[in-house]
N, C-alpha and C. Protein backbone atom coordinates (compact mmCIF):
# COMPACT_ATOMS: atom_id res chain seq x y z
N MET A 1 113.83 97.42 105.51
CA MET A 1 114.40 98.60 106.13
C MET A 1 113.33 99.38 106.89
N GLN A 2 112.08 99.29 106.44
CA GLN A 2 111.04 100.07 107.10
C GLN A 2 110.83 99.64 108.54
N TRP A 3 110.69 98.35 108.80
CA TRP A 3 110.45 97.93 110.18
C TRP A 3 111.71 98.09 111.02
N PHE A 4 112.86 97.81 110.47
CA PHE A 4 114.10 97.94 111.22
C PHE A 4 114.33 99.40 111.60
N ALA A 5 114.14 100.28 110.64
CA ALA A 5 114.36 101.70 110.88
C ALA A 5 113.34 102.29 111.84
N ALA A 6 112.11 101.85 111.76
CA ALA A 6 111.05 102.41 112.60
C ALA A 6 111.30 102.15 114.08
N ALA A 7 112.05 101.11 114.40
CA ALA A 7 112.26 100.75 115.80
C ALA A 7 113.13 101.76 116.54
N GLN A 8 114.23 102.20 115.93
CA GLN A 8 115.17 103.06 116.67
C GLN A 8 115.85 104.11 115.80
N ALA A 9 115.74 104.01 114.50
CA ALA A 9 116.54 104.87 113.62
C ALA A 9 115.85 106.20 113.33
N LYS A 10 116.68 107.21 113.20
CA LYS A 10 116.21 108.51 112.76
C LYS A 10 115.69 108.35 111.33
N PRO A 11 114.51 108.86 111.02
CA PRO A 11 113.96 108.71 109.66
C PRO A 11 114.97 109.15 108.60
N GLY A 12 115.12 108.31 107.58
CA GLY A 12 116.02 108.60 106.48
C GLY A 12 117.48 108.28 106.73
N SER A 13 117.83 107.81 107.93
CA SER A 13 119.24 107.59 108.24
C SER A 13 119.71 106.17 107.96
N ILE A 14 118.79 105.24 107.75
CA ILE A 14 119.22 103.84 107.62
C ILE A 14 119.76 103.56 106.23
N GLN A 15 120.86 102.83 106.22
CA GLN A 15 121.51 102.36 104.99
C GLN A 15 121.69 100.86 105.13
N ALA A 16 121.43 100.13 104.08
CA ALA A 16 121.62 98.67 104.12
C ALA A 16 122.22 98.19 102.81
N ASP A 17 123.33 97.49 102.91
CA ASP A 17 123.96 96.84 101.77
C ASP A 17 123.96 95.35 102.07
N LEU A 18 123.21 94.58 101.25
CA LEU A 18 123.02 93.16 101.51
C LEU A 18 123.40 92.34 100.28
N ASP A 19 124.28 91.38 100.44
CA ASP A 19 124.63 90.43 99.40
C ASP A 19 124.22 89.06 99.93
N VAL A 20 122.92 88.77 99.84
CA VAL A 20 122.33 87.60 100.50
C VAL A 20 122.61 86.33 99.71
N ARG A 21 123.75 85.74 100.01
CA ARG A 21 124.19 84.45 99.46
C ARG A 21 125.25 83.91 100.41
N VAL A 22 125.49 82.62 100.38
CA VAL A 22 126.51 82.04 101.25
C VAL A 22 127.84 82.75 100.97
N ASP A 23 128.48 83.20 102.02
CA ASP A 23 129.72 83.98 102.01
C ASP A 23 129.54 85.43 101.59
N GLY A 24 128.31 85.83 101.26
CA GLY A 24 128.04 87.23 100.97
C GLY A 24 128.09 88.03 102.27
N ARG A 25 128.30 89.33 102.14
CA ARG A 25 128.41 90.20 103.32
C ARG A 25 127.22 91.14 103.36
N TYR A 26 126.98 91.69 104.55
CA TYR A 26 125.96 92.72 104.71
C TYR A 26 126.49 93.79 105.65
N ARG A 27 125.90 94.98 105.52
CA ARG A 27 126.23 96.09 106.41
C ARG A 27 124.96 96.93 106.55
N ILE A 28 124.61 97.22 107.79
CA ILE A 28 123.44 98.06 108.08
C ILE A 28 123.92 99.19 108.99
N SER A 29 123.55 100.43 108.67
CA SER A 29 123.92 101.55 109.53
C SER A 29 122.72 102.47 109.70
N PHE A 30 122.70 103.15 110.84
CA PHE A 30 121.63 104.11 111.11
C PHE A 30 122.05 105.04 112.24
N ILE A 31 121.32 106.13 112.36
CA ILE A 31 121.51 107.07 113.45
C ILE A 31 120.35 106.90 114.41
N ASN A 32 120.65 106.73 115.68
CA ASN A 32 119.62 106.55 116.70
C ASN A 32 118.74 107.79 116.79
N ASP A 33 117.44 107.57 116.76
CA ASP A 33 116.47 108.66 116.77
C ASP A 33 116.47 109.43 118.09
N LYS A 34 116.82 108.76 119.18
CA LYS A 34 116.74 109.39 120.50
C LYS A 34 117.97 110.23 120.86
N ASN A 35 119.18 109.69 120.54
CA ASN A 35 120.38 110.39 121.00
C ASN A 35 121.36 110.78 119.90
N GLY A 36 121.02 110.48 118.64
CA GLY A 36 121.88 110.86 117.52
C GLY A 36 123.12 110.01 117.35
N GLU A 37 123.24 108.93 118.12
CA GLU A 37 124.42 108.06 118.03
C GLU A 37 124.39 107.24 116.74
N TYR A 38 125.57 107.09 116.11
CA TYR A 38 125.71 106.32 114.88
C TYR A 38 125.96 104.85 115.21
N PHE A 39 125.24 103.97 114.52
CA PHE A 39 125.42 102.53 114.69
C PHE A 39 125.68 101.89 113.34
N GLU A 40 126.56 100.91 113.34
CA GLU A 40 126.81 100.14 112.13
C GLU A 40 127.09 98.70 112.53
N VAL A 41 126.43 97.77 111.86
CA VAL A 41 126.61 96.35 112.14
C VAL A 41 126.80 95.64 110.80
N GLY A 42 127.53 94.55 110.84
CA GLY A 42 127.74 93.80 109.61
C GLY A 42 128.17 92.38 109.90
N GLY A 43 128.28 91.63 108.84
CA GLY A 43 128.70 90.25 108.98
C GLY A 43 128.67 89.52 107.65
N ARG A 44 128.70 88.20 107.76
CA ARG A 44 128.74 87.33 106.58
C ARG A 44 127.66 86.26 106.70
N TYR A 45 127.02 85.99 105.57
CA TYR A 45 125.98 84.95 105.53
C TYR A 45 126.64 83.57 105.48
N ARG A 46 126.21 82.69 106.37
CA ARG A 46 126.74 81.32 106.40
C ARG A 46 125.81 80.32 105.74
N GLU A 47 124.50 80.53 105.91
CA GLU A 47 123.50 79.67 105.27
C GLU A 47 122.39 80.54 104.71
N VAL A 48 121.96 80.23 103.50
CA VAL A 48 120.84 80.93 102.88
C VAL A 48 119.97 79.90 102.18
N VAL A 49 118.79 79.67 102.71
CA VAL A 49 117.81 78.78 102.09
C VAL A 49 116.54 79.61 101.95
N ALA A 50 116.21 79.99 100.74
CA ALA A 50 115.10 80.90 100.49
C ALA A 50 113.81 80.44 101.19
N ASN A 51 113.19 81.37 101.87
CA ASN A 51 111.91 81.16 102.56
C ASN A 51 111.96 80.10 103.66
N GLU A 52 113.17 79.71 104.10
CA GLU A 52 113.29 78.69 105.14
C GLU A 52 114.29 79.03 106.24
N ARG A 53 115.51 79.41 105.86
CA ARG A 53 116.56 79.55 106.87
C ARG A 53 117.61 80.57 106.43
N LEU A 54 118.06 81.34 107.42
CA LEU A 54 119.12 82.32 107.20
C LEU A 54 120.02 82.29 108.43
N VAL A 55 121.32 82.11 108.22
CA VAL A 55 122.29 82.10 109.31
C VAL A 55 123.41 83.07 108.93
N PHE A 56 123.73 83.97 109.86
CA PHE A 56 124.75 84.97 109.56
C PHE A 56 125.45 85.44 110.83
N THR A 57 126.68 85.92 110.65
CA THR A 57 127.41 86.50 111.77
C THR A 57 126.94 87.93 112.00
N TRP A 58 127.20 88.45 113.21
CA TRP A 58 126.74 89.77 113.61
C TRP A 58 127.83 90.43 114.44
N ALA A 59 128.31 91.59 114.00
CA ALA A 59 129.32 92.32 114.77
C ALA A 59 129.14 93.82 114.55
N TRP A 60 129.13 94.56 115.66
CA TRP A 60 129.02 96.02 115.60
C TRP A 60 130.35 96.60 115.15
N HIS A 61 130.33 97.69 114.40
CA HIS A 61 131.57 98.29 113.90
C HIS A 61 132.47 98.74 115.05
N SER A 62 131.88 99.06 116.18
CA SER A 62 132.66 99.53 117.33
C SER A 62 133.35 98.39 118.08
N THR A 63 132.88 97.16 117.90
CA THR A 63 133.48 96.00 118.57
C THR A 63 133.52 94.80 117.61
N PRO A 64 134.28 94.89 116.52
CA PRO A 64 134.27 93.82 115.51
C PRO A 64 134.78 92.48 116.04
N GLU A 65 135.56 92.50 117.10
CA GLU A 65 136.08 91.25 117.67
C GLU A 65 135.00 90.48 118.43
N ARG A 66 133.86 91.10 118.71
CA ARG A 66 132.80 90.45 119.48
C ARG A 66 131.71 89.92 118.54
N GLU A 67 132.10 89.07 117.64
CA GLU A 67 131.18 88.52 116.65
C GLU A 67 130.26 87.48 117.29
N SER A 68 128.98 87.57 116.97
CA SER A 68 128.01 86.58 117.43
C SER A 68 127.33 85.96 116.21
N LEU A 69 126.38 85.08 116.44
CA LEU A 69 125.76 84.33 115.36
C LEU A 69 124.24 84.40 115.47
N ILE A 70 123.58 84.66 114.34
CA ILE A 70 122.12 84.71 114.29
C ILE A 70 121.63 83.65 113.32
N SER A 71 120.58 82.93 113.74
CA SER A 71 119.90 82.01 112.83
C SER A 71 118.40 82.31 112.88
N ILE A 72 117.82 82.35 111.71
CA ILE A 72 116.38 82.61 111.56
C ILE A 72 115.81 81.47 110.75
N GLN A 73 114.80 80.84 111.30
CA GLN A 73 114.12 79.75 110.60
C GLN A 73 112.66 80.13 110.44
N LEU A 74 112.12 79.91 109.25
CA LEU A 74 110.72 80.19 108.96
C LEU A 74 110.00 78.87 108.71
N LYS A 75 108.84 78.70 109.37
CA LYS A 75 108.06 77.48 109.22
C LYS A 75 106.60 77.83 108.98
N PRO A 76 105.94 77.10 108.09
CA PRO A 76 104.50 77.33 107.90
C PRO A 76 103.76 77.08 109.21
N ASP A 77 102.73 77.90 109.45
CA ASP A 77 101.94 77.81 110.66
C ASP A 77 100.49 78.05 110.25
N ALA A 78 99.57 77.50 111.01
CA ALA A 78 98.15 77.67 110.67
C ALA A 78 97.77 79.13 110.53
N ALA A 79 98.39 79.99 111.32
CA ALA A 79 98.07 81.42 111.29
C ALA A 79 98.92 82.18 110.27
N GLY A 80 99.86 81.52 109.62
CA GLY A 80 100.74 82.20 108.66
C GLY A 80 102.12 81.58 108.66
N THR A 81 103.08 82.27 109.26
CA THR A 81 104.47 81.80 109.31
C THR A 81 105.03 81.98 110.71
N LEU A 82 105.68 80.95 111.20
CA LEU A 82 106.35 81.00 112.49
C LEU A 82 107.82 81.32 112.25
N MET A 83 108.34 82.34 112.94
CA MET A 83 109.75 82.68 112.85
C MET A 83 110.44 82.23 114.14
N ILE A 84 111.50 81.43 113.99
CA ILE A 84 112.31 81.02 115.12
C ILE A 84 113.63 81.78 115.00
N PHE A 85 113.87 82.66 115.96
CA PHE A 85 115.03 83.54 115.92
C PHE A 85 115.97 83.16 117.06
N ARG A 86 117.23 82.99 116.72
CA ARG A 86 118.23 82.64 117.75
C ARG A 86 119.47 83.49 117.53
N HIS A 87 119.87 84.17 118.60
CA HIS A 87 121.09 84.98 118.57
C HIS A 87 121.98 84.41 119.67
N GLU A 88 123.18 83.96 119.32
CA GLU A 88 124.03 83.27 120.29
C GLU A 88 125.50 83.64 120.11
N GLN A 89 126.33 83.07 120.96
CA GLN A 89 127.78 83.25 120.97
C GLN A 89 128.16 84.68 121.35
N PHE A 90 127.51 85.20 122.39
CA PHE A 90 127.81 86.54 122.88
C PHE A 90 129.10 86.54 123.67
N ALA A 91 129.75 87.71 123.68
CA ALA A 91 131.00 87.86 124.43
C ALA A 91 130.76 87.76 125.94
N ASP A 92 129.58 88.23 126.39
CA ASP A 92 129.28 88.18 127.82
C ASP A 92 127.77 88.36 128.04
N GLN A 93 127.35 88.25 129.28
CA GLN A 93 125.93 88.33 129.62
C GLN A 93 125.37 89.72 129.35
N THR A 94 126.15 90.76 129.56
CA THR A 94 125.69 92.13 129.29
C THR A 94 125.36 92.30 127.80
N ALA A 95 126.22 91.79 126.93
CA ALA A 95 125.96 91.87 125.49
C ALA A 95 124.68 91.11 125.15
N ARG A 96 124.51 89.93 125.74
CA ARG A 96 123.30 89.15 125.50
C ARG A 96 122.06 89.93 125.92
N ASP A 97 122.09 90.50 127.12
CA ASP A 97 120.94 91.23 127.65
C ASP A 97 120.63 92.47 126.82
N ASN A 98 121.65 93.19 126.40
CA ASN A 98 121.44 94.38 125.56
C ASN A 98 120.83 94.02 124.22
N HIS A 99 121.30 92.93 123.61
CA HIS A 99 120.74 92.49 122.33
C HIS A 99 119.30 92.01 122.51
N GLU A 100 119.03 91.34 123.60
CA GLU A 100 117.66 90.88 123.84
C GLU A 100 116.70 92.06 123.89
N ARG A 101 117.07 93.11 124.61
CA ARG A 101 116.23 94.31 124.68
C ARG A 101 116.05 94.93 123.29
N GLY A 102 117.15 95.04 122.55
CA GLY A 102 117.08 95.63 121.21
C GLY A 102 116.21 94.82 120.27
N TRP A 103 116.42 93.51 120.23
CA TRP A 103 115.63 92.67 119.34
C TRP A 103 114.15 92.70 119.71
N ASN A 104 113.83 92.71 120.99
CA ASN A 104 112.42 92.77 121.39
C ASN A 104 111.76 94.04 120.86
N THR A 105 112.48 95.15 120.88
CA THR A 105 111.95 96.40 120.32
C THR A 105 111.71 96.25 118.82
N PHE A 106 112.69 95.70 118.11
CA PHE A 106 112.55 95.51 116.67
C PHE A 106 111.39 94.56 116.34
N PHE A 107 111.24 93.49 117.10
CA PHE A 107 110.17 92.54 116.82
C PHE A 107 108.79 93.12 117.11
N ASP A 108 108.68 93.99 118.11
CA ASP A 108 107.41 94.67 118.37
C ASP A 108 107.00 95.50 117.15
N VAL A 109 107.96 96.21 116.57
CA VAL A 109 107.68 97.02 115.39
C VAL A 109 107.36 96.13 114.19
N LEU A 110 108.08 95.02 114.03
CA LEU A 110 107.81 94.11 112.92
C LEU A 110 106.38 93.58 113.02
N GLU A 111 105.97 93.21 114.22
CA GLU A 111 104.60 92.71 114.43
C GLU A 111 103.58 93.75 114.01
N GLN A 112 103.82 95.01 114.37
CA GLN A 112 102.91 96.09 113.97
C GLN A 112 102.88 96.26 112.46
N CYS A 113 104.02 96.16 111.81
CA CYS A 113 104.09 96.30 110.35
C CYS A 113 103.35 95.19 109.62
N LEU A 114 103.34 94.00 110.20
CA LEU A 114 102.73 92.84 109.54
C LEU A 114 101.25 92.67 109.85
N SER A 115 100.74 93.41 110.85
CA SER A 115 99.32 93.23 111.19
C SER A 115 98.44 94.27 110.53
């Protein structure tokens, strides 16, 4: 929650409910630090392999019909761990581009937290 919240969330506003198992559900909510807008996203875990792979659906509470799919794979690397992140099945190119910008912001913060 620390790296996710640090990217865009108002301090203290992030909530996360995670049931990390196949068919388990998750919900993450926060208030945007810049404009005070409320965000909530959730989905269902499709694959869970500890320390290797996580696959889950992703849908914003404001557009639940626009469900997409995220897969994260972790691989040992000489420098530590390589993360392969894939977000796909977007409703349109605008959704893809908006998510790309958002994820890049989150990953910049994650990199800072891990270094």
